[in-house]
Amino acid sequence: MKSVGHNVTRFNGPQASGEEAPRSRKFERLVEAHCRIDEALPRDHEIGFICSCFVRYSLPHSASAENVLGRRDGDMEVAFLSPPNVGLPFGKVPRLLLIYLTTQAVRTRKREIDLGVSISKFMKSLFTEATGGTHGSIARFKQQVLRTLSLTTTLSLLNDDRAQLTNTPVADEFEVHWVAVGADQRSGMPARVRLGERMFDHMLGSAVPVDLRAVRALKQSAMALDVYFWTTYRAPRVARTHPARIAWGALQAQFGSDYKSKSDFKISFCNALMQVQMVYPSLRYLATESYLVLHKSAPSVPRKTRPETLTPTCG
């Protein structure tokens, strides 16, 4: 595989199977976001947050018959667990929902999160179109909300010198009155979530700022969202004189252990990197045959634009 440079104009490189053509709406959306991001810093309502445990370890990209998924980052391992009758969350909706929950936790400093009384309005706040019917987006959205709120993360460190285990449910309890709610109807009772105490503390203590303009542009690709979250978290932490060199096998264990081969994972990850650089222009990296080399980069959301308290709205 050829090395990928740092220049945003290199986006017109190879594309994964099934990707839209460069002139598609997806590409136009990336170009539009690049222009807006390049012209101005994000305003308060354009800044969101996501908990770091969902940045270092990615949720499934596609449906799985299993209810447990393992990821690894160095000596640390995480297992995502869900009730067998519910299933693991996958795709873009869980990632967008976790941004919403983390952002609300950071902004309000409360464990109780209100999801509103209108499912279509809530879906719009997550940059998702609401369509009804058997094959519409509403049914799939409800399923992914249930799966995400039912999720528990188990973080472990097990070696010859130390053993540590932490179970962290996303929610202690939740109540959703969307069963009979259509795209333009209101249930009359708000859906609500009470975040797990440990998850809430983790959200407040390790929230990663993200530019919601970038999130909106990348929303159709779970992999691109994961790569964006991870690079804006990891690249600013790289030593200026010592770029981080990460083997593809290590990245696959962290983000894509469910891919059939390392080659498939590497292609998907590199295509996502090229999309991410459109909306994260300061990202500096090099993709080689054996390694991803991350150079120190400015964060996607500059520190001086991060207010201590934000108005409770999700963009």
C-alpha atoms as a PDB file:
ATOM      1  CA  MET A   1       0.000   0.000   0.000  1.00  0.00           C
ATOM      2  CA  LYS A   2       1.273   3.420  -0.872  1.00  0.00           C
ATOM      3  CA  SER A   3       1.962   5.957   1.806  1.00  0.00           C
ATOM      4  CA  VAL A   4      -0.693   8.577   2.369  1.00  0.00           C
ATOM      5  CA  GLY A   5       0.480  12.138   2.742  1.00  0.00           C
ATOM      6  CA  HIS A   6      -0.731  14.958   4.957  1.00  0.00           C
ATOM      7  CA  ASN A   7      -2.429  17.004   2.272  1.00  0.00           C
ATOM      8  CA  VAL A   8      -6.199  17.250   2.239  1.00  0.00           C
ATOM      9  CA  THR A   9      -6.176  17.394  -1.563  1.00  0.00           C
ATOM     10  CA  ARG A  10      -5.072  13.737  -1.596  1.00  0.00           C
ATOM     11  CA  PHE A  11      -8.624  12.628  -0.733  1.00  0.00           C
ATOM     12  CA  ASN A  12      -9.265  11.501  -4.302  1.00  0.00           C
ATOM     13  CA  GLY A  13      -7.264   8.324  -3.725  1.00  0.00           C
ATOM     14  CA  PRO A  14      -8.550   4.741  -3.653  1.00  0.00           C
ATOM     15  CA  GLN A  15     -12.001   4.025  -2.314  1.00  0.00           C
ATOM     16  CA  ALA A  16     -13.376   0.951  -0.587  1.00  0.00           C
ATOM     17  CA  SER A  17     -15.808  -1.302  -2.366  1.00  0.00           C
ATOM     18  CA  GLY A  18     -19.312   0.149  -2.235  1.00  0.00           C
ATOM     19  CA  GLU A  19     -18.134   3.711  -1.557  1.00  0.00           C
ATOM     20  CA  GLU A  20     -19.905   6.467  -3.453  1.00  0.00           C
ATOM     21  CA  ALA A  21     -18.172   8.233  -6.324  1.00  0.00           C
ATOM     22  CA  PRO A  22     -16.054  11.330  -5.520  1.00  0.00           C
ATOM     23  CA  ARG A  23     -18.771  13.657  -6.856  1.00  0.00           C
ATOM     24  CA  SER A  24     -21.472  12.115  -4.663  1.00  0.00           C
ATOM     25  CA  ARG A  25     -23.400  13.879  -1.943  1.00  0.00           C
ATOM     26  CA  LYS A  26     -21.056  12.374   0.632  1.00  0.00           C
ATOM     27  CA  PHE A  27     -18.047  14.016  -0.999  1.00  0.00           C
ATOM     28  CA  GLU A  28     -19.885  17.325  -1.361  1.00  0.00           C
ATOM     29  CA  ARG A  29     -20.783  17.168   2.333  1.00  0.00           C
ATOM     30  CA  LEU A  30     -17.120  16.659   3.235  1.00  0.00           C
ATOM     31  CA  VAL A  31     -16.026  19.570   1.048  1.00  0.00           C
ATOM     32  CA  GLU A  32     -18.690  21.856   2.524  1.00  0.00           C
ATOM     33  CA  ALA A  33     -17.672  20.896   6.060  1.00  0.00           C
ATOM     34  CA  HIS A  34     -13.991  21.398   5.216  1.00  0.00           C
ATOM     35  CA  CYS A  35     -14.706  24.940   4.013  1.00  0.00           C
ATOM     36  CA  ARG A  36     -16.740  25.834   7.113  1.00  0.00           C
ATOM     37  CA  ILE A  37     -14.164  24.349   9.479  1.00  0.00           C
ATOM     38  CA  ASP A  38     -11.292  26.016   7.635  1.00  0.00           C
ATOM     39  CA  GLU A  39     -13.002  29.425   7.768  1.00  0.00           C
ATOM     40  CA  ALA A  40     -14.043  29.579  11.425  1.00  0.00           C
ATOM     41  CA  LEU A  41     -13.547  27.932  14.803  1.00  0.00           C
ATOM     42  CA  PRO A  42     -16.526  25.979  16.158  1.00  0.00           C
ATOM     43  CA  ARG A  43     -19.104  27.949  18.114  1.00  0.00           C
ATOM     44  CA  ASP A  44     -20.418  26.703  21.448  1.00  0.00           C
ATOM     45  CA  HIS A  45     -23.352  24.789  19.945  1.00  0.00           C
ATOM     46  CA  GLU A  46     -21.015  23.178  17.400  1.00  0.00           C
ATOM     47  CA  ILE A  47     -18.910  21.511  20.102  1.00  0.00           C
ATOM     48  CA  GLY A  48     -19.848  18.088  21.415  1.00  0.00           C
ATOM     49  CA  PHE A  49     -18.164  15.447  23.560  1.00  0.00           C
ATOM     50  CA  ILE A  50     -17.750  11.696  23.583  1.00  0.00           C
ATOM     51  CA  CYS A  51     -16.542   9.510  26.432  1.00  0.00           C
ATOM     52  CA  SER A  52     -12.948   8.329  25.928  1.00  0.00           C
ATOM     53  CA  CYS A  53     -13.800   4.644  26.507  1.00  0.00           C
ATOM     54  CA  PHE A  54     -15.708   4.733  23.203  1.00  0.00           C
ATOM     55  CA  VAL A  55     -12.773   6.497  21.551  1.00  0.00           C
ATOM     56  CA  ARG A  56      -9.998   4.067  22.462  1.00  0.00           C
ATOM     57  CA  TYR A  57     -12.177   1.043  21.715  1.00  0.00           C
ATOM     58  CA  SER A  58     -14.761   0.994  18.941  1.00  0.00           C
ATOM     59  CA  LEU A  59     -18.222  -0.508  18.964  1.00  0.00           C
ATOM     60  CA  PRO A  60     -19.132  -2.949  16.156  1.00  0.00           C
ATOM     61  CA  HIS A  61     -19.481  -1.470  12.681  1.00  0.00           C
ATOM     62  CA  SER A  62     -22.002  -4.071  11.524  1.00  0.00           C
ATOM     63  CA  ALA A  63     -24.517  -6.495  13.007  1.00  0.00           C
ATOM     64  CA  SER A  64     -23.195  -9.422  15.028  1.00  0.00           C
ATOM     65  CA  ALA A  65     -24.878 -12.582  16.252  1.00  0.00           C
ATOM     66  CA  GLU A  66     -22.776 -12.385  19.430  1.00  0.00           C
ATOM     67  CA  ASN A  67     -23.628 -10.342  22.511  1.00  0.00           C
ATOM     68  CA  VAL A  68     -19.977  -9.883  23.570  1.00  0.00           C
ATOM     69  CA  LEU A  69     -17.213  -8.116  21.643  1.00  0.00           C
ATOM     70  CA  GLY A  70     -13.597  -7.759  22.775  1.00  0.00           C
ATOM     71  CA  ARG A  71     -11.109  -5.007  21.914  1.00  0.00           C
ATOM     72  CA  ARG A  72      -7.502  -4.472  23.001  1.00  0.00           C
ATOM     73  CA  ASP A  73      -5.215  -1.447  23.442  1.00  0.00           C
ATOM     74  CA  GLY A  74      -1.811  -2.527  24.738  1.00  0.00           C
ATOM     75  CA  ASP A  75      -2.258  -4.311  28.076  1.00  0.00           C
ATOM     76  CA  MET A  76      -5.823  -3.093  28.426  1.00  0.00           C
ATOM     77  CA  GLU A  77      -8.787  -5.051  27.151  1.00  0.00           C
ATOM     78  CA  VAL A  78     -12.416  -4.049  26.939  1.00  0.00           C
ATOM     79  CA  ALA A  79     -15.440  -6.246  26.438  1.00  0.00           C
ATOM     80  CA  PHE A  80     -18.734  -4.786  25.265  1.00  0.00           C
ATOM     81  CA  LEU A  81     -21.613  -6.841  26.658  1.00  0.00           C
ATOM     82  CA  SER A  82     -25.338  -6.717  26.007  1.00  0.00           C
ATOM     83  CA  PRO A  83     -28.278  -8.876  27.100  1.00  0.00           C
ATOM     84  CA  PRO A  84     -28.619 -11.858  24.699  1.00  0.00           C
ATOM     85  CA  ASN A  85     -32.188 -10.898  23.818  1.00  0.00           C
ATOM     86  CA  VAL A  86     -31.144  -7.321  22.964  1.00  0.00           C
ATOM     87  CA  GLY A  87     -27.853  -7.568  21.084  1.00  0.00           C
ATOM     88  CA  LEU A  88     -24.835  -5.339  20.596  1.00  0.00           C
ATOM     89  CA  PRO A  89     -25.287  -1.854  19.147  1.00  0.00           C
ATOM     90  CA  PHE A  90     -23.648  -1.220  15.785  1.00  0.00           C
ATOM     91  CA  GLY A  91     -23.303   1.419  13.102  1.00  0.00           C
ATOM     92  CA  LYS A  92     -23.633   5.192  13.292  1.00  0.00           C
ATOM     93  CA  VAL A  93     -26.616   5.604  15.653  1.00  0.00           C
ATOM     94  CA  PRO A  94     -24.877   4.323  18.842  1.00  0.00           C
ATOM     95  CA  ARG A  95     -21.929   6.662  18.185  1.00  0.00           C
ATOM     96  CA  LEU A  96     -24.207   9.662  17.632  1.00  0.00           C
ATOM     97  CA  LEU A  97     -26.272   8.739  20.704  1.00  0.00           C
ATOM     98  CA  LEU A  98     -23.141   8.462  22.870  1.00  0.00           C
ATOM     99  CA  ILE A  99     -22.072  11.928  21.709  1.00  0.00           C
ATOM    100  CA  TYR A 100     -25.488  13.228  22.728  1.00  0.00           C
ATOM    101  CA  LEU A 101     -25.379  11.571  26.153  1.00  0.00           C
ATOM    102  CA  THR A 102     -21.810  12.654  26.902  1.00  0.00           C
ATOM    103  CA  THR A 103     -22.473  16.202  25.706  1.00  0.00           C
ATOM    104  CA  GLN A 104     -25.566  16.502  27.876  1.00  0.00           C
ATOM    105  CA  ALA A 105     -23.694  15.095  30.885  1.00  0.00           C
ATOM    106  CA  VAL A 106     -20.871  17.622  30.408  1.00  0.00           C
ATOM    107  CA  ARG A 107     -23.215  20.549  29.817  1.00  0.00           C
ATOM    108  CA  THR A 108     -25.763  19.888  32.559  1.00  0.00           C
ATOM    109  CA  ARG A 109     -23.613  17.980  35.116  1.00  0.00           C
ATOM    110  CA  LYS A 110     -26.637  15.725  35.677  1.00  0.00           C
ATOM    111  CA  ARG A 111     -27.009  11.940  35.359  1.00  0.00           C
ATOM    112  CA  GLU A 112     -30.617  12.223  34.181  1.00  0.00           C
ATOM    113  CA  ILE A 113     -30.770  12.888  30.467  1.00  0.00           C
ATOM    114  CA  ASP A 114     -34.013  13.922  28.743  1.00  0.00           C
ATOM    115  CA  LEU A 115     -34.477  12.490  25.247  1.00  0.00           C
ATOM    116  CA  GLY A 116     -37.653  14.455  24.596  1.00  0.00           C
ATOM    117  CA  VAL A 117     -41.192  13.394  23.654  1.00  0.00           C
ATOM    118  CA  SER A 118     -40.788  13.368  19.868  1.00  0.00           C
ATOM    119  CA  ILE A 119     -38.730  10.623  18.266  1.00  0.00           C
ATOM    120  CA  SER A 120     -38.439  12.492  14.978  1.00  0.00           C
ATOM    121  CA  LYS A 121     -37.139  15.604  16.757  1.00  0.00           C
ATOM    122  CA  PHE A 122     -34.654  13.536  18.735  1.00  0.00           C
ATOM    123  CA  MET A 123     -33.461  11.775  15.589  1.00  0.00           C
ATOM    124  CA  LYS A 124     -32.959  15.152  13.926  1.00  0.00           C
ATOM    125  CA  SER A 125     -30.782  16.272  16.855  1.00  0.00           C
ATOM    126  CA  LEU A 126     -28.609  13.229  16.081  1.00  0.00           C
ATOM    127  CA  PHE A 127     -28.370  14.212  12.390  1.00  0.00           C
ATOM    128  CA  THR A 128     -30.641  11.287  11.445  1.00  0.00           C
ATOM    129  CA  GLU A 129     -33.656  11.407   9.134  1.00  0.00           C
ATOM    130  CA  ALA A 130     -36.888   9.923  10.500  1.00  0.00           C
ATOM    131  CA  THR A 131     -38.854   7.701   8.113  1.00  0.00           C
ATOM    132  CA  GLY A 132     -41.692   5.396   9.096  1.00  0.00           C
ATOM    133  CA  GLY A 133     -42.907   2.059   7.806  1.00  0.00           C
ATOM    134  CA  THR A 134     -41.592  -1.478   8.088  1.00  0.00           C
ATOM    135  CA  HIS A 135     -38.282  -0.607   6.449  1.00  0.00           C
ATOM    136  CA  GLY A 136     -38.072   2.982   7.699  1.00  0.00           C
ATOM    137  CA  SER A 137     -35.337   4.462   9.856  1.00  0.00           C
ATOM    138  CA  ILE A 138     -37.468   4.853  13.000  1.00  0.00           C
ATOM    139  CA  ALA A 139     -37.675   1.124  13.758  1.00  0.00           C
ATOM    140  CA  ARG A 140     -33.919   0.680  13.293  1.00  0.00           C
ATOM    141  CA  PHE A 141     -33.218   3.767  15.373  1.00  0.00           C
ATOM    142  CA  LYS A 142     -35.323   2.500  18.292  1.00  0.00           C
ATOM    143  CA  GLN A 143     -33.458  -0.802  18.217  1.00  0.00           C
ATOM    144  CA  GLN A 144     -30.044   0.872  18.325  1.00  0.00           C
ATOM    145  CA  VAL A 145     -31.115   3.166  21.180  1.00  0.00           C
ATOM    146  CA  LEU A 146     -32.242   0.141  23.199  1.00  0.00           C
ATOM    147  CA  ARG A 147     -29.000  -1.722  22.459  1.00  0.00           C
ATOM    148  CA  THR A 148     -26.805   1.247  23.372  1.00  0.00           C
ATOM    149  CA  LEU A 149     -28.583   1.992  26.640  1.00  0.00           C
ATOM    150  CA  SER A 150     -28.432  -1.723  27.578  1.00  0.00           C
ATOM    151  CA  LEU A 151     -24.671  -1.881  26.999  1.00  0.00           C
ATOM    152  CA  THR A 152     -22.065  -2.608  29.676  1.00  0.00           C
ATOM    153  CA  THR A 153     -18.322  -2.120  29.188  1.00  0.00           C
ATOM    154  CA  THR A 154     -15.907  -4.334  31.092  1.00  0.00           C
ATOM    155  CA  LEU A 155     -12.360  -2.975  31.221  1.00  0.00           C
ATOM    156  CA  SER A 156      -9.627  -5.318  32.395  1.00  0.00           C
ATOM    157  CA  LEU A 157      -5.888  -5.298  32.948  1.00  0.00           C
ATOM    158  CA  LEU A 158      -4.570  -8.802  33.468  1.00  0.00           C
ATOM    159  CA  ASN A 159      -0.860  -9.676  33.598  1.00  0.00           C
ATOM    160  CA  ASP A 160       1.633 -11.416  35.879  1.00  0.00           C
ATOM    161  CA  ASP A 161       1.873  -8.427  38.219  1.00  0.00           C
ATOM    162  CA  ARG A 162      -1.622  -7.019  38.342  1.00  0.00           C
ATOM    163  CA  ALA A 163      -5.292  -7.863  37.869  1.00  0.00           C
ATOM    164  CA  GLN A 164      -7.939  -5.177  37.550  1.00  0.00           C
ATOM    165  CA  LEU A 165     -11.557  -5.311  36.381  1.00  0.00           C
ATOM    166  CA  THR A 166     -14.160  -2.556  36.039  1.00  0.00           C
ATOM    167  CA  ASN A 167     -17.775  -3.009  34.910  1.00  0.00           C
ATOM    168  CA  THR A 168     -19.458   0.144  33.633  1.00  0.00           C
ATOM    169  CA  PRO A 169     -23.076   0.118  32.416  1.00  0.00           C
ATOM    170  CA  VAL A 170     -24.089   2.981  30.155  1.00  0.00           C
ATOM    171  CA  ALA A 171     -27.364   3.425  32.028  1.00  0.00           C
ATOM    172  CA  ASP A 172     -28.688   2.469  35.440  1.00  0.00           C
ATOM    173  CA  GLU A 173     -32.221   2.806  34.130  1.00  0.00           C
ATOM    174  CA  PHE A 174     -34.110   4.230  31.199  1.00  0.00           C
ATOM    175  CA  GLU A 175     -37.718   4.683  30.173  1.00  0.00           C
ATOM    176  CA  VAL A 176     -38.672   5.327  26.584  1.00  0.00           C
ATOM    177  CA  HIS A 177     -42.249   6.126  25.486  1.00  0.00           C
ATOM    178  CA  TRP A 178     -41.707   5.796  21.762  1.00  0.00           C
ATOM    179  CA  VAL A 179     -43.567   2.540  21.153  1.00  0.00           C
ATOM    180  CA  ALA A 180     -46.585   4.114  19.481  1.00  0.00           C
ATOM    181  CA  VAL A 181     -44.944   7.292  18.310  1.00  0.00           C
ATOM    182  CA  GLY A 182     -44.820   7.982  14.581  1.00  0.00           C
ATOM    183  CA  ALA A 183     -42.494  10.302  12.744  1.00  0.00           C
ATOM    184  CA  ASP A 184     -44.567  13.417  13.440  1.00  0.00           C
ATOM    185  CA  GLN A 185     -46.331  12.397  16.642  1.00  0.00           C
ATOM    186  CA  ARG A 186     -45.580  13.101  20.278  1.00  0.00           C
ATOM    187  CA  SER A 187     -45.914  10.507  23.004  1.00  0.00           C
ATOM    188  CA  GLY A 188     -46.920  13.021  25.665  1.00  0.00           C
ATOM    189  CA  MET A 189     -44.304  11.631  28.065  1.00  0.00           C
ATOM    190  CA  PRO A 190     -40.571  12.326  27.753  1.00  0.00           C
ATOM    191  CA  ALA A 191     -38.085   9.546  27.246  1.00  0.00           C
ATOM    192  CA  ARG A 192     -35.403   9.661  29.907  1.00  0.00           C
ATOM    193  CA  VAL A 193     -32.116   7.993  30.768  1.00  0.00           C
ATOM    194  CA  ARG A 194     -30.298   7.789  34.084  1.00  0.00           C
ATOM    195  CA  LEU A 195     -26.645   7.242  33.309  1.00  0.00           C
ATOM    196  CA  GLY A 196     -24.711   4.707  35.314  1.00  0.00           C
ATOM    197  CA  GLU A 197     -22.790   6.459  38.080  1.00  0.00           C
ATOM    198  CA  ARG A 198     -19.404   5.190  36.928  1.00  0.00           C
ATOM    199  CA  MET A 199     -20.196   6.031  33.294  1.00  0.00           C
ATOM    200  CA  PHE A 200     -21.318   9.531  34.290  1.00  0.00           C
ATOM    201  CA  ASP A 201     -18.092  10.122  36.230  1.00  0.00           C
ATOM    202  CA  HIS A 202     -16.081   8.801  33.301  1.00  0.00           C
ATOM    203  CA  MET A 203     -17.908  11.105  30.902  1.00  0.00           C
ATOM    204  CA  LEU A 204     -17.161  14.127  33.062  1.00  0.00           C
ATOM    205  CA  GLY A 205     -13.554  13.121  33.677  1.00  0.00           C
ATOM    206  CA  SER A 206     -12.500  12.012  30.212  1.00  0.00           C
ATOM    207  CA  ALA A 207     -14.810  13.629  27.669  1.00  0.00           C
ATOM    208  CA  VAL A 208     -13.138  14.142  24.286  1.00  0.00           C
ATOM    209  CA  PRO A 209     -14.259  17.372  22.513  1.00  0.00           C
ATOM    210  CA  VAL A 210     -15.441  16.906  18.927  1.00  0.00           C
ATOM    211  CA  ASP A 211     -16.506  19.340  16.238  1.00  0.00           C
ATOM    212  CA  LEU A 212     -20.149  18.572  15.453  1.00  0.00           C
ATOM    213  CA  ARG A 213     -19.655  19.980  11.945  1.00  0.00           C
ATOM    214  CA  ALA A 214     -17.141  17.183  11.350  1.00  0.00           C
ATOM    215  CA  VAL A 215     -19.467  14.622  12.948  1.00  0.00           C
ATOM    216  CA  ARG A 216     -22.333  15.636  10.678  1.00  0.00           C
ATOM    217  CA  ALA A 217     -20.102  15.294   7.595  1.00  0.00           C
ATOM    218  CA  LEU A 218     -18.817  11.845   8.630  1.00  0.00           C
ATOM    219  CA  LYS A 219     -22.102  10.499   9.986  1.00  0.00           C
ATOM    220  CA  GLN A 220     -22.682   7.912   7.255  1.00  0.00           C
ATOM    221  CA  SER A 221     -19.545   5.927   8.142  1.00  0.00           C
ATOM    222  CA  ALA A 222     -19.089   4.309  11.551  1.00  0.00           C
ATOM    223  CA  MET A 223     -15.410   3.717  10.765  1.00  0.00           C
ATOM    224  CA  ALA A 224     -14.850   7.354   9.778  1.00  0.00           C
ATOM    225  CA  LEU A 225     -16.482   8.511  13.021  1.00  0.00           C
ATOM    226  CA  ASP A 226     -14.264   6.145  15.027  1.00  0.00           C
ATOM    227  CA  VAL A 227     -11.116   7.320  13.252  1.00  0.00           C
ATOM    228  CA  TYR A 228     -12.074  10.964  13.792  1.00  0.00           C
ATOM    229  CA  PHE A 229     -12.712  10.439  17.515  1.00  0.00           C
ATOM    230  CA  TRP A 230      -9.467   8.551  17.967  1.00  0.00           C
ATOM    231  CA  THR A 231      -7.189  10.867  15.967  1.00  0.00           C
ATOM    232  CA  THR A 232      -8.381  14.057  17.673  1.00  0.00           C
ATOM    233  CA  TYR A 233      -7.816  12.286  21.013  1.00  0.00           C
ATOM    234  CA  ARG A 234      -4.492  10.625  20.175  1.00  0.00           C
ATOM    235  CA  ALA A 235      -2.633  12.925  17.767  1.00  0.00           C
ATOM    236  CA  PRO A 236      -2.382  15.938  20.122  1.00  0.00           C
ATOM    237  CA  ARG A 237      -0.803  13.624  22.735  1.00  0.00           C
ATOM    238  CA  VAL A 238       2.036  12.518  20.458  1.00  0.00           C
ATOM    239  CA  ALA A 239       5.489  13.858  21.385  1.00  0.00           C
ATOM    240  CA  ARG A 240       6.593  16.542  18.938  1.00  0.00           C
ATOM    241  CA  THR A 241       9.962  14.888  18.336  1.00  0.00           C
ATOM    242  CA  HIS A 242       8.793  11.263  18.462  1.00  0.00           C
ATOM    243  CA  PRO A 243       5.871  10.383  16.134  1.00  0.00           C
ATOM    244  CA  ALA A 244       3.755   7.444  17.215  1.00  0.00           C
ATOM    245  CA  ARG A 245       4.264   4.354  15.053  1.00  0.00           C
ATOM    246  CA  ILE A 246       1.376   1.909  15.433  1.00  0.00           C
ATOM    247  CA  ALA A 247       1.281  -1.493  13.750  1.00  0.00           C
ATOM    248  CA  TRP A 248      -1.825  -2.311  11.739  1.00  0.00           C
ATOM    249  CA  GLY A 249      -2.353  -5.459  13.774  1.00  0.00           C
ATOM    250  CA  ALA A 250      -2.524  -3.397  16.966  1.00  0.00           C
ATOM    251  CA  LEU A 251      -5.004  -0.986  15.405  1.00  0.00           C
ATOM    252  CA  GLN A 252      -7.147  -3.856  14.198  1.00  0.00           C
ATOM    253  CA  ALA A 253      -7.299  -5.288  17.721  1.00  0.00           C
ATOM    254  CA  GLN A 254      -8.398  -1.865  18.947  1.00  0.00           C
ATOM    255  CA  PHE A 255     -10.892  -0.952  16.224  1.00  0.00           C
ATOM    256  CA  GLY A 256     -11.653  -3.797  13.864  1.00  0.00           C
ATOM    257  CA  SER A 257     -11.057  -7.245  15.256  1.00  0.00           C
ATOM    258  CA  ASP A 258     -14.257  -8.331  13.478  1.00  0.00           C
ATOM    259  CA  TYR A 259     -12.750  -7.660  10.003  1.00  0.00           C
ATOM    260  CA  LYS A 260     -11.958 -10.812   8.016  1.00  0.00           C
ATOM    261  CA  SER A 261      -8.347  -9.850   7.316  1.00  0.00           C
ATOM    262  CA  LYS A 262      -5.749  -7.248   8.246  1.00  0.00           C
ATOM    263  CA  SER A 263      -5.718  -6.133   4.621  1.00  0.00           C
ATOM    264  CA  ASP A 264      -9.479  -5.433   4.627  1.00  0.00           C
ATOM    265  CA  PHE A 265      -9.138  -3.515   7.881  1.00  0.00           C
ATOM    266  CA  LYS A 266      -6.192  -1.462   6.612  1.00  0.00           C
ATOM    267  CA  ILE A 267      -8.033  -0.443   3.438  1.00  0.00           C
ATOM    268  CA  SER A 268     -11.121   0.583   5.411  1.00  0.00           C
ATOM    269  CA  PHE A 269      -9.066   2.487   7.984  1.00  0.00           C
ATOM    270  CA  CYS A 270      -7.030   4.358   5.325  1.00  0.00           C
ATOM    271  CA  ASN A 271     -10.139   5.355   3.391  1.00  0.00           C
ATOM    272  CA  ALA A 272     -11.629   6.640   6.645  1.00  0.00           C
ATOM    273  CA  LEU A 273      -8.425   8.596   7.378  1.00  0.00           C
ATOM    274  CA  MET A 274      -8.700  10.398   4.060  1.00  0.00           C
ATOM    275  CA  GLN A 275     -12.294  11.395   4.842  1.00  0.00           C
ATOM    276  CA  VAL A 276     -11.339  12.500   8.349  1.00  0.00           C
ATOM    277  CA  GLN A 277      -8.557  14.729   7.089  1.00  0.00           C
ATOM    278  CA  MET A 278     -11.115  16.668   5.059  1.00  0.00           C
ATOM    279  CA  VAL A 279     -12.794  17.807   8.289  1.00  0.00           C
ATOM    280  CA  TYR A 280      -9.707  17.671  10.524  1.00  0.00           C
ATOM    281  CA  PRO A 281      -7.189  19.540   8.330  1.00  0.00           C
ATOM    282  CA  SER A 282      -4.501  19.828  11.014  1.00  0.00           C
ATOM    283  CA  LEU A 283      -4.210  16.026  11.294  1.00  0.00           C
ATOM    284  CA  ARG A 284      -0.740  14.829  10.265  1.00  0.00           C
ATOM    285  CA  TYR A 285      -0.136  11.160   9.548  1.00  0.00           C
ATOM    286  CA  LEU A 286       1.601   8.716   7.240  1.00  0.00           C
ATOM    287  CA  ALA A 287       0.213   5.300   6.314  1.00  0.00           C
ATOM    288  CA  THR A 288       2.923   2.783   5.386  1.00  0.00           C
ATOM    289  CA  GLU A 289       2.747  -0.897   4.543  1.00  0.00           C
ATOM    290  CA  SER A 290       3.325  -1.980   8.155  1.00  0.00           C
ATOM    291  CA  TYR A 291       2.480   1.025  10.333  1.00  0.00           C
ATOM    292  CA  LEU A 292       0.345   4.073  10.800  1.00  0.00           C
ATOM    293  CA  VAL A 293       2.620   6.945  11.806  1.00  0.00           C
ATOM    294  CA  LEU A 294       0.872   9.711  13.750  1.00  0.00           C
ATOM    295  CA  HIS A 295       2.632  13.057  14.026  1.00  0.00           C
ATOM    296  CA  LYS A 296       1.779  15.575  16.713  1.00  0.00           C
ATOM    297  CA  SER A 297      -1.256  17.532  15.543  1.00  0.00           C
ATOM    298  CA  ALA A 298      -3.436  20.278  16.912  1.00  0.00           C
ATOM    299  CA  PRO A 299      -6.753  18.943  18.283  1.00  0.00           C
ATOM    300  CA  SER A 300      -9.855  19.177  16.135  1.00  0.00           C
ATOM    301  CA  VAL A 301     -11.442  21.483  18.731  1.00  0.00           C
ATOM    302  CA  PRO A 302      -8.868  24.085  19.895  1.00  0.00           C
ATOM    303  CA  ARG A 303      -8.668  24.395  23.658  1.00  0.00           C
ATOM    304  CA  LYS A 304      -9.403  28.097  23.667  1.00  0.00           C
ATOM    305  CA  THR A 305     -12.808  27.408  22.088  1.00  0.00           C
ATOM    306  CA  ARG A 306     -13.888  24.921  24.777  1.00  0.00           C
ATOM    307  CA  PRO A 307     -16.164  26.748  27.242  1.00  0.00           C
ATOM    308  CA  GLU A 308     -16.461  25.408  30.767  1.00  0.00           C
ATOM    309  CA  THR A 309     -20.250  25.296  30.565  1.00  0.00           C
ATOM    310  CA  LEU A 310     -22.183  24.951  27.342  1.00  0.00           C
ATOM    311  CA  THR A 311     -25.802  25.672  26.545  1.00  0.00           C
ATOM    312  CA  PRO A 312     -27.698  22.343  26.716  1.00  0.00           C
ATOM    313  CA  THR A 313     -28.436  21.697  23.059  1.00  0.00           C
ATOM    314  CA  CYS A 314     -26.958  19.087  20.752  1.00  0.00           C
ATOM    315  CA  GLY A 315     -26.425  21.057  17.597  1.00  0.00           C
END
